[in-house]
Amino acid sequence: MTHFTLLAQDAADAPNVGNPILNIGIFVAFIVITMAIVMRAGKTTSEASDFYTGGAQFSGKQNGLAIAGDYLSAASFLGIVGAVALNGYDGFLYSIGFFVAWLVALLLVAEPLRNTGKFTMADVLSFRLKQKPVRLAAAFGTLGVSLFYLIAQMAGAGSLVSVLLDIHDRTTQSIIVAVVGAVMIAYVLLGGMKGTTYVQMIKAVLLIAGVGGMTIAIMIGVKGNFSELLQQAVNMHDGNHAVLDPGLKYGKTSTTKLDFVSLALALVLGTAGLPHVLMRFYTVPTAKEARRSVTWAIALIGSFYLMTFVLGYGAAALVGPEAIKAAPGGANAAAPLLALEIGGPIVMALISAVAFATVLAVVAGLAITASASVAHDIYHSIIRDGQSTEEEQVRVSRITVVVIGIISIVLGILAMGQNVAFLVALAFAIAASANLPTILYSLYWKKFNTTGALASMYTGLITALVLIIFSPAVSGFEKSMFPNVDFHWFPLNNPGLISIPLAFIAGFVGTMVGKPDNFDDLQAEMEVRSLTGVGVEAPVDH
């Protein structure tokens, strides 16, 4: 009998949450250290470019680490491990989708976006189109994606701390989410993009090291025999071999199969439309460094997602699906409970602290992106007609951070019972619907005009939001945001299958029926910039 088997048999006798005092102590220490880093970096944040992009001073390697830190969110760690532990092969589809999506970002978007823009995604989308209406639509898209992403992180934080303190009471969990939101707001207000980037780099190293250590411990436990690990997972699933095959979650009915296609579309196409990831390309000085940063990010992110496969089946084998479902936070509790089984209370506290830092860093990056969009695209470009000072923009950004933080806290409390990987998939669906079609059309289609851009962005955003509101994710089921009411009529959990094609079609039809913008010189300039990077610093005004 292997050491691993003995651990699995003893799992039921293990303490639920380790040592709560130790957990909180490490948490507080981690927050104090990272807050000190943020405050030190924040002292050099004086201009709008410092607040939004860190002054474009980071190398490709540093930015690659930060991108990995931004991308490897609570969904990646807590959600995917839980999804694999409960649904086996079908849960690993999240890992595959999140990773493959980087190829789209690298090949189609990263370099031309860096060459064309300055601060936000709307800089690119409005470059050769009519500024004000396109910036407004892009800002709405950015806010929609950021808000859903924030909801997932808040829900993940609530689940994580609830597991550590063994809190089953929903009111206390809600207070925890509110505290996380307050700390996030402080991070952004004090440090801006520069401070957030440093925290993300540190967090990426710690997260990948922690996950790597857990993976090695699991493989040592089974003496390198991965088949033994899978067999233990099957045993804990009452001998159900379906946990090893496709279809346990998404293969039961025609509706679930369509839901899988919808999820796959959203995951693969969503990354290239995520505003907080796209904004990272502006924190490097050149397009070459933007390319390097994506290469670094892919290496780090790819290795991480391969390890989530081992962790997921390790959680199924060591902790068991029933124990995971019964824990506060449900599926989101799988990773910290696995850490407890592998290394006891200290390892659980360390891994959970890293996961908590993951939430804080990602949330801070999202808040900066949303605040930059409001301040730069709506306030500066539309309300003040380009006449506001940088001090005004930064002040509006800070106010926006507070408002968005409060909204995300409220919605995060409502979504606490849902798997955070699933919640992030909704944000990916909005990004792929509202942003990606317009980005691709703007970069690669000469005839594309303002009418097409507005049709694409508003169709994608509104369709995705409406279908989410009337989906099982919001009402009608035990895990829904509003489980006691039922107003859902859209059968799929993810809207991507409908909203993404509609957005592409709307962009094409809008361009065909709309009047040309006659910005041929700007279109030519954008093409030269996107391909060569020449003239990146020159302002565009029309």
Protein backbone atom coordinates (compact mmCIF):
# COMPACT_ATOMS: atom_id res chain seq x y z
CA MET A 1 0.00 0.00 0.00
CA THR A 2 1.49 3.35 -1.03
CA HIS A 3 1.96 6.39 1.16
CA PHE A 4 -0.61 8.06 -1.06
CA THR A 5 -3.24 5.40 -0.33
CA LEU A 6 -2.69 5.76 3.40
CA LEU A 7 -3.18 9.50 3.10
CA ALA A 8 -6.42 8.97 1.20
CA GLN A 9 -7.72 6.63 3.91
CA ASP A 10 -6.84 9.15 6.62
CA ALA A 11 -8.39 12.10 4.80
CA ALA A 12 -11.69 11.76 6.61
CA ASP A 13 -9.90 12.00 9.98
CA ALA A 14 -7.94 15.17 9.10
CA PRO A 15 -8.89 18.50 10.65
CA ASN A 16 -11.17 20.59 8.50
CA VAL A 17 -9.25 23.84 8.25
CA GLY A 18 -5.89 23.44 9.95
CA ASN A 19 -5.11 26.21 12.43
CA PRO A 20 -7.30 29.32 11.89
CA ILE A 21 -4.97 31.55 13.93
CA LEU A 22 -1.97 30.42 11.86
CA ASN A 23 -3.97 30.95 8.65
CA ILE A 24 -4.93 34.50 9.55
CA GLY A 25 -1.42 35.31 10.82
CA ILE A 26 0.18 34.35 7.50
CA PHE A 27 -2.59 36.19 5.64
CA VAL A 28 -1.98 39.41 7.56
CA ALA A 29 1.80 39.14 7.13
CA PHE A 30 1.39 38.68 3.40
CA ILE A 31 -0.94 41.67 3.09
CA VAL A 32 1.42 43.89 5.14
CA ILE A 33 4.45 42.95 3.01
CA THR A 34 2.68 43.43 -0.33
CA MET A 35 1.06 46.67 0.84
CA ALA A 36 4.52 48.01 1.74
CA ILE A 37 5.72 47.18 -1.78
CA VAL A 38 2.66 48.87 -3.30
CA MET A 39 3.12 52.03 -1.18
CA ARG A 40 6.80 52.29 -2.10
CA ALA A 41 6.03 51.93 -5.82
CA GLY A 42 3.12 54.35 -5.45
CA LYS A 43 5.48 57.16 -4.40
CA THR A 44 6.70 57.33 -8.01
CA THR A 45 3.16 57.49 -9.42
CA SER A 46 2.74 61.13 -10.36
CA GLU A 47 1.46 61.16 -13.93
CA ALA A 48 -1.50 59.47 -15.58
CA SER A 49 0.88 57.22 -17.55
CA ASP A 50 2.41 56.02 -14.26
CA PHE A 51 -1.01 55.21 -12.79
CA TYR A 52 -2.30 53.43 -15.93
CA THR A 53 0.78 51.71 -17.39
CA GLY A 54 3.60 52.07 -14.84
CA GLY A 55 5.30 54.52 -17.19
CA ALA A 56 5.90 51.73 -19.76
CA GLN A 57 9.14 50.88 -17.94
CA PHE A 58 8.87 47.10 -17.51
CA SER A 59 10.92 44.57 -19.48
CA GLY A 60 9.32 41.75 -21.45
CA LYS A 61 10.35 39.23 -18.78
CA GLN A 62 8.93 41.35 -15.96
CA ASN A 63 5.73 41.98 -17.91
CA GLY A 64 5.43 38.28 -18.76
CA LEU A 65 5.53 37.50 -15.05
CA ALA A 66 2.95 40.21 -14.40
CA ILE A 67 0.70 38.93 -17.21
CA ALA A 68 0.89 35.45 -15.68
CA GLY A 69 0.08 37.03 -12.32
CA ASP A 70 -2.87 38.86 -13.87
CA TYR A 71 -4.17 35.84 -15.76
CA LEU A 72 -3.69 33.10 -13.17
CA SER A 73 -6.59 34.25 -11.09
CA ALA A 74 -8.62 32.66 -8.33
CA ALA A 75 -10.56 30.94 -11.13
CA SER A 76 -7.41 29.28 -12.42
CA PHE A 77 -6.28 27.99 -9.05
CA LEU A 78 -9.38 27.48 -6.91
CA GLY A 79 -11.99 26.97 -9.64
CA ILE A 80 -10.16 24.61 -11.99
CA VAL A 81 -8.80 22.35 -9.24
CA GLY A 82 -12.36 22.07 -7.89
CA ALA A 83 -13.81 21.50 -11.36
CA VAL A 84 -11.35 18.65 -12.08
CA ALA A 85 -11.87 17.12 -8.64
CA LEU A 86 -15.66 16.99 -9.10
CA ASN A 87 -16.04 16.55 -12.87
CA GLY A 88 -12.75 14.98 -13.90
CA TYR A 89 -11.87 15.33 -17.57
CA ASP A 90 -14.62 17.89 -18.21
CA GLY A 91 -13.18 20.15 -15.50
CA PHE A 92 -9.79 20.10 -17.21
CA LEU A 93 -11.43 21.67 -20.26
CA TYR A 94 -11.17 25.00 -18.44
CA SER A 95 -7.38 24.63 -18.29
CA ILE A 96 -7.17 23.77 -21.98
CA GLY A 97 -9.39 26.67 -23.00
CA PHE A 98 -7.63 29.26 -20.84
CA PHE A 99 -4.23 28.17 -22.20
CA VAL A 100 -5.01 27.73 -25.91
CA ALA A 101 -6.56 31.21 -25.88
CA TRP A 102 -3.06 32.70 -25.59
CA LEU A 103 -2.24 31.61 -29.13
CA VAL A 104 -4.98 33.92 -30.42
CA ALA A 105 -3.63 36.78 -28.29
CA LEU A 106 -0.02 36.20 -29.37
CA LEU A 107 -0.61 35.70 -33.09
CA LEU A 108 -3.34 38.25 -33.76
CA VAL A 109 -3.44 40.94 -31.11
CA ALA A 110 -0.39 41.52 -28.86
CA GLU A 111 2.07 43.30 -31.14
CA PRO A 112 -0.29 45.40 -33.33
CA LEU A 113 -2.22 46.45 -30.22
CA ARG A 114 0.97 47.64 -28.48
CA ASN A 115 2.05 49.52 -31.60
CA THR A 116 -1.28 51.27 -32.10
CA GLY A 117 -2.48 52.21 -28.63
CA LYS A 118 -1.35 54.24 -25.65
CA PHE A 119 -3.34 53.55 -22.47
CA THR A 120 -6.53 51.56 -23.08
CA MET A 121 -8.21 49.21 -25.53
CA ALA A 122 -10.39 52.10 -26.73
CA ASP A 123 -7.28 53.90 -28.03
CA VAL A 124 -6.98 51.16 -30.62
CA LEU A 125 -10.65 50.80 -31.42
CA SER A 126 -11.14 54.54 -31.96
CA PHE A 127 -7.85 55.17 -33.78
CA ARG A 128 -9.31 55.38 -37.29
CA LEU A 129 -12.97 55.71 -36.32
CA LYS A 130 -15.09 58.46 -34.78
CA GLN A 131 -13.61 58.96 -31.34
CA LYS A 132 -16.45 59.72 -28.95
CA PRO A 133 -19.08 57.06 -29.82
CA VAL A 134 -16.47 54.31 -30.19
CA ARG A 135 -14.69 55.22 -26.95
CA LEU A 136 -18.00 55.20 -25.08
CA ALA A 137 -18.93 51.76 -26.44
CA ALA A 138 -15.46 50.40 -25.68
CA ALA A 139 -15.65 51.76 -22.14
CA PHE A 140 -18.96 49.96 -21.57
CA GLY A 141 -17.39 46.74 -22.86
CA THR A 142 -14.41 47.17 -20.55
CA LEU A 143 -16.65 47.81 -17.55
CA GLY A 144 -18.83 44.78 -18.36
CA VAL A 145 -15.87 42.39 -18.57
CA SER A 146 -14.11 43.87 -15.53
CA LEU A 147 -17.21 43.68 -13.37
CA PHE A 148 -17.89 40.00 -14.08
CA TYR A 149 -14.22 39.17 -13.55
CA LEU A 150 -14.30 41.07 -10.25
CA ILE A 151 -17.41 39.16 -9.14
CA ALA A 152 -15.51 35.88 -9.64
CA GLN A 153 -12.50 37.07 -7.65
CA MET A 154 -14.65 38.35 -4.78
CA ALA A 155 -16.58 35.07 -4.68
CA GLY A 156 -13.28 33.16 -4.67
CA ALA A 157 -11.93 35.25 -1.80
CA GLY A 158 -15.09 34.66 0.22
CA SER A 159 -14.87 30.90 -0.37
CA LEU A 160 -11.17 30.77 0.46
CA VAL A 161 -11.33 32.61 3.78
CA SER A 162 -14.52 30.73 4.73
CA VAL A 163 -12.66 27.43 4.32
CA LEU A 164 -9.68 28.64 6.34
CA LEU A 165 -11.84 29.82 9.24
CA ASP A 166 -14.48 27.08 8.82
CA ILE A 167 -17.21 29.71 8.42
CA HIS A 168 -20.53 28.35 7.12
CA ASP A 169 -22.58 31.40 8.06
CA ARG A 170 -23.39 33.44 4.94
CA THR A 171 -23.51 36.76 6.79
CA THR A 172 -19.95 36.33 8.07
CA GLN A 173 -18.82 35.23 4.59
CA SER A 174 -20.33 38.43 3.21
CA ILE A 175 -18.32 40.50 5.69
CA ILE A 176 -15.16 38.70 4.52
CA VAL A 177 -15.89 39.61 0.89
CA ALA A 178 -16.38 43.24 1.94
CA VAL A 179 -13.00 43.26 3.72
CA VAL A 180 -11.28 41.81 0.63
CA GLY A 181 -12.87 44.54 -1.47
CA ALA A 182 -11.64 47.23 0.90
CA VAL A 183 -8.05 45.91 0.81
CA MET A 184 -8.22 45.76 -3.01
CA ILE A 185 -9.35 49.39 -3.19
CA ALA A 186 -6.44 50.39 -0.94
CA TYR A 187 -3.93 48.53 -3.18
CA VAL A 188 -5.00 50.44 -6.28
CA LEU A 189 -5.38 53.85 -4.66
CA LEU A 190 -1.92 53.64 -3.11
CA GLY A 191 0.11 51.99 -5.88
CA GLY A 192 -1.47 52.37 -9.31
CA MET A 193 -0.25 50.10 -12.11
CA LYS A 194 3.38 50.17 -10.97
CA GLY A 195 2.64 48.86 -7.49
CA THR A 196 0.10 46.37 -8.79
CA THR A 197 2.59 45.03 -11.36
CA TYR A 198 5.23 44.32 -8.72
CA VAL A 199 2.69 42.48 -6.56
CA GLN A 200 1.58 40.46 -9.61
CA MET A 201 5.17 39.45 -10.39
CA ILE A 202 5.74 38.29 -6.80
CA LYS A 203 2.41 36.51 -6.75
CA ALA A 204 3.08 34.70 -10.04
CA VAL A 205 6.38 33.31 -8.74
CA LEU A 206 4.84 32.23 -5.42
CA LEU A 207 1.74 30.70 -7.03
CA ILE A 208 3.65 28.67 -9.63
CA ALA A 209 6.19 27.58 -6.98
CA GLY A 210 3.40 26.57 -4.58
CA VAL A 211 1.48 24.65 -7.22
CA GLY A 212 4.72 23.03 -8.40
CA GLY A 213 5.54 21.93 -4.86
CA MET A 214 2.07 20.43 -4.38
CA THR A 215 2.34 18.61 -7.74
CA ILE A 216 5.73 17.13 -6.81
CA ALA A 217 4.39 16.02 -3.41
CA ILE A 218 1.43 14.27 -5.03
CA MET A 219 3.65 12.47 -7.56
CA ILE A 220 6.05 11.39 -4.79
CA GLY A 221 3.02 10.06 -2.89
CA VAL A 222 2.16 7.73 -5.79
CA LYS A 223 5.87 7.03 -6.54
CA GLY A 224 5.51 8.62 -9.97
CA ASN A 225 2.67 6.28 -10.95
CA PHE A 226 0.02 8.59 -12.41
CA SER A 227 -2.31 5.63 -13.00
CA GLU A 228 -2.35 5.05 -9.25
CA LEU A 229 -3.48 8.65 -8.75
CA LEU A 230 -6.30 8.23 -11.26
CA GLN A 231 -7.40 4.95 -9.68
CA GLN A 232 -7.57 6.57 -6.24
CA ALA A 233 -9.69 9.37 -7.73
CA VAL A 234 -12.05 6.78 -9.24
CA ASN A 235 -12.28 5.00 -5.89
CA MET A 236 -13.23 8.23 -4.12
CA HIS A 237 -15.91 8.76 -6.80
CA ASP A 238 -17.46 5.43 -5.72
CA GLY A 239 -15.74 3.53 -8.53
CA ASN A 240 -17.27 5.71 -11.26
CA HIS A 241 -14.81 5.58 -14.17
CA ALA A 242 -16.76 8.36 -15.91
CA VAL A 243 -14.55 10.81 -14.00
CA LEU A 244 -11.73 9.82 -16.38
CA ASP A 245 -13.75 10.21 -19.58
CA PRO A 246 -15.20 13.18 -21.46
CA GLY A 247 -18.86 13.92 -20.86
CA LEU A 248 -19.40 13.62 -17.09
CA LYS A 249 -20.63 17.24 -16.94
CA TYR A 250 -21.10 18.28 -20.58
CA GLY A 251 -22.06 15.07 -22.34
CA LYS A 252 -25.41 14.15 -20.76
CA THR A 253 -27.88 16.00 -22.99
CA SER A 254 -27.89 18.02 -26.20
CA THR A 255 -28.18 21.18 -24.08
CA THR A 256 -25.06 20.40 -22.04
CA LYS A 257 -23.16 19.56 -25.25
CA LEU A 258 -24.10 22.95 -26.68
CA ASP A 259 -23.08 24.51 -23.37
CA PHE A 260 -19.65 22.94 -23.80
CA VAL A 261 -19.27 24.40 -27.31
CA SER A 262 -20.37 27.78 -25.95
CA LEU A 263 -17.85 27.56 -23.10
CA ALA A 264 -15.04 26.54 -25.47
CA LEU A 265 -15.76 29.49 -27.79
CA ALA A 266 -15.79 31.92 -24.88
CA LEU A 267 -12.55 30.63 -23.35
CA VAL A 268 -10.52 30.42 -26.57
CA LEU A 269 -11.63 33.78 -27.97
CA GLY A 270 -12.05 35.68 -24.71
CA THR A 271 -8.40 36.25 -23.72
CA ALA A 272 -7.65 38.42 -26.77
CA GLY A 273 -10.52 40.69 -25.72
CA LEU A 274 -9.78 40.99 -21.99
CA PRO A 275 -9.10 44.69 -21.31
CA HIS A 276 -6.94 44.13 -18.22
CA VAL A 277 -4.69 41.69 -20.13
CA LEU A 278 -4.52 43.90 -23.23
CA MET A 279 -3.59 46.88 -21.03
CA ARG A 280 -0.50 44.96 -19.91
CA PHE A 281 1.00 45.36 -23.40
CA TYR A 282 1.26 49.11 -22.76
CA THR A 283 3.50 48.64 -19.71
CA VAL A 284 6.49 47.70 -21.92
CA PRO A 285 8.51 50.20 -23.99
CA THR A 286 8.46 48.41 -27.37
CA ALA A 287 6.46 45.95 -29.43
CA LYS A 288 9.39 43.52 -29.28
CA GLU A 289 9.13 43.53 -25.49
CA ALA A 290 5.36 43.01 -25.81
CA ARG A 291 6.06 39.89 -27.87
CA ARG A 292 8.65 38.70 -25.36
CA SER A 293 6.25 39.25 -22.49
CA VAL A 294 3.58 37.07 -24.13
CA THR A 295 6.18 34.34 -24.77
CA TRP A 296 7.18 34.39 -21.09
CA ALA A 297 3.54 34.42 -20.07
CA ILE A 298 2.71 31.40 -22.25
CA ALA A 299 5.58 29.37 -20.75
CA LEU A 300 4.52 30.17 -17.19
CA ILE A 301 0.79 29.82 -17.79
CA GLY A 302 1.18 26.57 -19.75
CA SER A 303 3.20 24.88 -17.01
CA PHE A 304 0.69 26.05 -14.41
CA TYR A 305 -2.33 24.64 -16.26
CA LEU A 306 -0.65 21.27 -16.79
CA MET A 307 -0.16 21.06 -13.04
CA THR A 308 -3.82 21.85 -12.33
CA PHE A 309 -4.64 18.48 -13.92
CA VAL A 310 -2.54 16.69 -11.28
CA LEU A 311 -3.89 18.87 -8.47
CA GLY A 312 -7.50 18.30 -9.54
CA TYR A 313 -7.25 14.52 -9.56
CA GLY A 314 -5.09 14.75 -6.43
CA ALA A 315 -7.92 16.59 -4.67
CA ALA A 316 -10.42 13.99 -5.89
CA ALA A 317 -8.19 11.18 -4.56
CA LEU A 318 -6.99 12.72 -1.28
CA VAL A 319 -9.91 14.89 -0.19
CA GLY A 320 -12.81 13.27 -2.04
CA PRO A 321 -15.78 14.87 -3.83
CA GLU A 322 -18.14 14.63 -0.87
CA ALA A 323 -15.76 16.44 1.51
CA ILE A 324 -15.20 19.15 -1.11
CA LYS A 325 -18.93 19.69 -1.66
CA ALA A 326 -19.56 19.84 2.09
CA ALA A 327 -16.84 22.46 2.74
CA PRO A 328 -17.62 26.19 2.84
CA GLY A 329 -17.19 27.42 -0.73
CA GLY A 330 -17.89 24.02 -2.28
CA ALA A 331 -15.72 23.31 -5.34
CA ASN A 332 -13.59 26.38 -4.63
CA ALA A 333 -12.36 24.70 -1.42
CA ALA A 334 -10.63 21.80 -3.20
CA ALA A 335 -7.16 23.41 -3.52
CA PRO A 336 -6.73 24.55 0.11
CA LEU A 337 -8.12 21.25 1.42
CA LEU A 338 -5.64 19.40 -0.81
CA ALA A 339 -2.80 21.51 0.62
CA LEU A 340 -3.94 20.53 4.11
CA GLU A 341 -3.83 16.83 3.22
CA ILE A 342 -0.39 17.11 1.60
CA GLY A 343 1.48 19.20 4.15
CA GLY A 344 -0.71 19.98 7.11
CA PRO A 345 -1.84 23.36 8.50
CA ILE A 346 1.33 25.32 7.63
CA VAL A 347 1.26 24.34 3.94
CA MET A 348 -2.45 25.03 3.80
CA ALA A 349 -1.95 28.49 5.31
CA LEU A 350 0.91 29.31 2.90
CA ILE A 351 -0.94 28.09 -0.20
CA SER A 352 -4.08 29.91 0.88
CA ALA A 353 -2.12 33.12 1.47
CA VAL A 354 -0.76 32.86 -2.08
CA ALA A 355 -4.26 32.22 -3.39
CA PHE A 356 -5.49 35.24 -1.46
CA ALA A 357 -2.69 37.34 -2.96
CA THR A 358 -3.80 36.01 -6.34
CA VAL A 359 -7.26 37.43 -5.73
CA LEU A 360 -5.90 40.79 -4.56
CA ALA A 361 -3.48 41.20 -7.47
CA VAL A 362 -6.00 40.26 -10.15
CA VAL A 363 -8.69 42.42 -8.60
CA ALA A 364 -6.29 45.37 -8.43
CA GLY A 365 -5.38 44.97 -12.11
CA LEU A 366 -9.04 44.81 -13.08
CA ALA A 367 -9.88 47.88 -11.01
CA ILE A 368 -7.09 49.87 -12.68
CA THR A 369 -8.30 48.86 -16.13
CA ALA A 370 -11.89 49.82 -15.40
CA SER A 371 -10.87 53.10 -13.77
CA ALA A 372 -8.55 53.98 -16.66
CA SER A 373 -11.38 53.35 -19.11
CA VAL A 374 -13.74 55.67 -17.21
CA ALA A 375 -11.16 58.41 -16.66
CA HIS A 376 -9.36 58.29 -20.01
CA ASP A 377 -12.13 57.23 -22.39
CA ILE A 378 -15.28 58.70 -20.85
CA TYR A 379 -14.16 61.63 -18.69
CA HIS A 380 -11.13 62.93 -20.61
CA SER A 381 -12.11 62.12 -24.21
CA ILE A 382 -15.89 62.56 -24.08
CA ILE A 383 -16.98 64.69 -21.11
CA ARG A 384 -13.98 67.08 -21.12
CA ASP A 385 -13.34 66.78 -24.89
CA GLY A 386 -9.66 66.05 -24.37
CA GLN A 387 -9.09 69.13 -22.18
CA SER A 388 -8.70 67.57 -18.71
CA THR A 389 -5.40 67.59 -16.84
CA GLU A 390 -3.58 64.42 -15.81
CA GLU A 391 -4.33 65.20 -12.16
CA GLU A 392 -8.05 65.27 -12.95
CA GLN A 393 -7.84 61.93 -14.78
CA VAL A 394 -6.05 60.24 -11.89
CA ARG A 395 -8.61 61.68 -9.43
CA VAL A 396 -11.51 60.34 -11.52
CA SER A 397 -9.71 56.98 -11.74
CA ARG A 398 -9.45 56.76 -7.97
CA ILE A 399 -13.13 57.63 -7.49
CA THR A 400 -14.03 54.96 -10.08
CA VAL A 401 -11.99 52.35 -8.21
CA VAL A 402 -14.03 52.96 -5.06
CA VAL A 403 -17.38 52.79 -6.90
CA ILE A 404 -16.48 49.64 -8.84
CA GLY A 405 -15.10 48.05 -5.68
CA ILE A 406 -18.39 48.56 -3.85
CA ILE A 407 -20.47 47.18 -6.77
CA SER A 408 -18.23 44.10 -7.12
CA ILE A 409 -18.45 43.44 -3.36
CA VAL A 410 -22.27 43.35 -3.51
CA LEU A 411 -22.39 41.12 -6.61
CA GLY A 412 -19.57 38.92 -5.29
CA ILE A 413 -21.61 38.21 -2.16
CA LEU A 414 -24.53 37.07 -4.33
CA ALA A 415 -22.27 34.75 -6.38
CA MET A 416 -20.40 33.07 -3.52
CA GLY A 417 -21.93 29.63 -4.07
CA GLN A 418 -20.76 29.29 -7.69
CA ASN A 419 -17.51 27.84 -9.04
CA VAL A 420 -15.27 30.83 -9.77
CA ALA A 421 -13.92 29.27 -12.98
CA PHE A 422 -17.49 29.24 -14.29
CA LEU A 423 -17.96 32.90 -13.28
CA VAL A 424 -14.78 33.93 -15.09
CA ALA A 425 -15.99 32.06 -18.19
CA LEU A 426 -18.90 34.52 -18.26
CA ALA A 427 -16.42 37.43 -18.29
CA PHE A 428 -14.57 35.71 -21.15
CA ALA A 429 -17.85 35.41 -23.07
CA ILE A 430 -18.50 39.16 -22.69
CA ALA A 431 -14.91 39.96 -23.78
CA ALA A 432 -15.15 37.69 -26.83
CA SER A 433 -18.53 39.18 -27.76
CA ALA A 434 -18.14 42.89 -27.03
CA ASN A 435 -14.43 43.46 -27.71
CA LEU A 436 -12.73 40.84 -29.87
CA PRO A 437 -14.75 41.25 -33.12
CA THR A 438 -14.14 45.01 -33.13
CA ILE A 439 -10.43 44.60 -32.31
CA LEU A 440 -9.91 42.16 -35.18
CA TYR A 441 -11.99 44.18 -37.65
CA SER A 442 -10.14 47.40 -36.68
CA LEU A 443 -6.72 45.84 -37.11
CA TYR A 444 -7.32 43.77 -40.23
CA TRP A 445 -10.28 45.12 -42.28
CA LYS A 446 -9.74 48.35 -44.19
CA LYS A 447 -13.45 48.98 -44.88
CA PHE A 448 -14.44 48.71 -41.23
CA ASN A 449 -16.23 51.86 -40.07
CA THR A 450 -17.77 53.47 -37.00
CA THR A 451 -21.24 52.04 -37.68
CA GLY A 452 -19.80 48.52 -37.80
CA ALA A 453 -17.81 49.08 -34.60
CA LEU A 454 -20.81 50.34 -32.65
CA ALA A 455 -23.06 47.58 -33.99
CA SER A 456 -20.50 44.92 -33.09
CA MET A 457 -19.72 46.19 -29.57
CA TYR A 458 -23.26 46.96 -28.47
CA THR A 459 -24.71 43.78 -30.03
CA GLY A 460 -22.06 41.61 -28.37
CA LEU A 461 -22.29 43.32 -24.99
CA ILE A 462 -26.07 43.56 -24.76
CA THR A 463 -26.70 40.04 -26.11
CA ALA A 464 -24.17 38.50 -23.70
CA LEU A 465 -25.53 40.38 -20.67
CA VAL A 466 -29.18 39.64 -21.46
CA LEU A 467 -28.52 35.93 -22.01
CA ILE A 468 -26.51 35.73 -18.77
CA ILE A 469 -29.29 37.46 -16.79
CA PHE A 470 -31.88 35.00 -18.11
CA SER A 471 -29.64 31.92 -17.82
CA PRO A 472 -29.49 29.21 -15.13
CA ALA A 473 -26.44 31.03 -13.70
CA VAL A 474 -28.69 33.76 -12.28
CA SER A 475 -31.96 32.07 -11.33
CA GLY A 476 -33.85 28.82 -11.08
CA PHE A 477 -31.27 26.45 -9.60
CA GLU A 478 -29.64 25.74 -6.25
CA LYS A 479 -26.29 27.26 -7.30
CA SER A 480 -27.81 30.27 -9.05
CA MET A 481 -27.29 33.83 -7.81
CA PHE A 482 -31.00 33.94 -6.95
CA PRO A 483 -31.89 30.31 -6.13
CA ASN A 484 -35.37 31.05 -4.76
CA VAL A 485 -36.76 32.61 -7.93
CA ASP A 486 -36.86 31.39 -11.51
CA PHE A 487 -36.94 33.77 -14.47
CA HIS A 488 -34.48 31.93 -16.71
CA TRP A 489 -35.52 31.08 -20.27
CA PHE A 490 -32.09 30.74 -21.94
CA PRO A 491 -31.03 27.10 -21.41
CA LEU A 492 -27.22 27.50 -21.66
CA ASN A 493 -24.99 28.63 -18.79
CA ASN A 494 -22.62 30.46 -21.13
CA PRO A 495 -23.89 32.85 -23.85
CA GLY A 496 -20.83 32.64 -26.12
CA LEU A 497 -22.39 30.35 -28.73
CA ILE A 498 -25.01 33.01 -29.53
CA SER A 499 -23.41 36.34 -28.61
CA ILE A 500 -19.98 35.91 -30.27
CA PRO A 501 -21.23 35.05 -33.81
CA LEU A 502 -23.91 37.76 -33.51
CA ALA A 503 -21.25 40.37 -32.69
CA PHE A 504 -19.15 39.39 -35.73
CA ILE A 505 -22.23 39.46 -37.97
CA ALA A 506 -23.36 42.83 -36.57
CA GLY A 507 -19.92 44.31 -37.24
CA PHE A 508 -19.99 43.11 -40.83
CA VAL A 509 -23.59 44.21 -41.52
CA GLY A 510 -23.06 47.58 -39.81
CA THR A 511 -20.01 48.26 -41.96
CA MET A 512 -21.85 47.32 -45.14
CA VAL A 513 -24.89 49.55 -44.46
CA GLY A 514 -23.09 52.43 -42.70
CA LYS A 515 -21.42 55.39 -44.35
CA PRO A 516 -17.61 55.26 -44.78
CA ASP A 517 -15.72 57.36 -42.23
CA ASN A 518 -13.32 58.71 -44.87
CA PHE A 519 -10.40 58.55 -42.47
CA ASP A 520 -8.20 56.91 -45.12
CA ASP A 521 -5.06 58.66 -43.90
CA LEU A 522 -5.67 57.43 -40.34
CA GLN A 523 -6.39 53.93 -41.59
CA ALA A 524 -3.08 53.93 -43.47
CA GLU A 525 -1.28 55.32 -40.41
CA MET A 526 -2.82 52.65 -38.18
CA GLU A 527 -1.73 49.92 -40.59
CA VAL A 528 1.85 51.21 -40.63
CA ARG A 529 1.92 51.62 -36.85
CA SER A 530 0.43 48.20 -36.10
CA LEU A 531 2.94 46.45 -38.37
CA THR A 532 6.07 48.48 -37.64
CA GLY A 533 5.58 50.46 -34.42
CA VAL A 534 6.66 53.69 -36.14
CA GLY A 535 5.15 56.83 -34.59
CA VAL A 536 3.71 55.18 -31.49
CA GLU A 537 4.24 58.23 -29.31
CA ALA A 538 2.51 60.68 -31.67
CA PRO A 539 -0.95 61.70 -30.40
CA VAL A 540 -3.98 61.04 -32.55
CA ASP A 541 -6.64 63.75 -32.65
CA HIS A 542 -9.59 63.85 -34.98
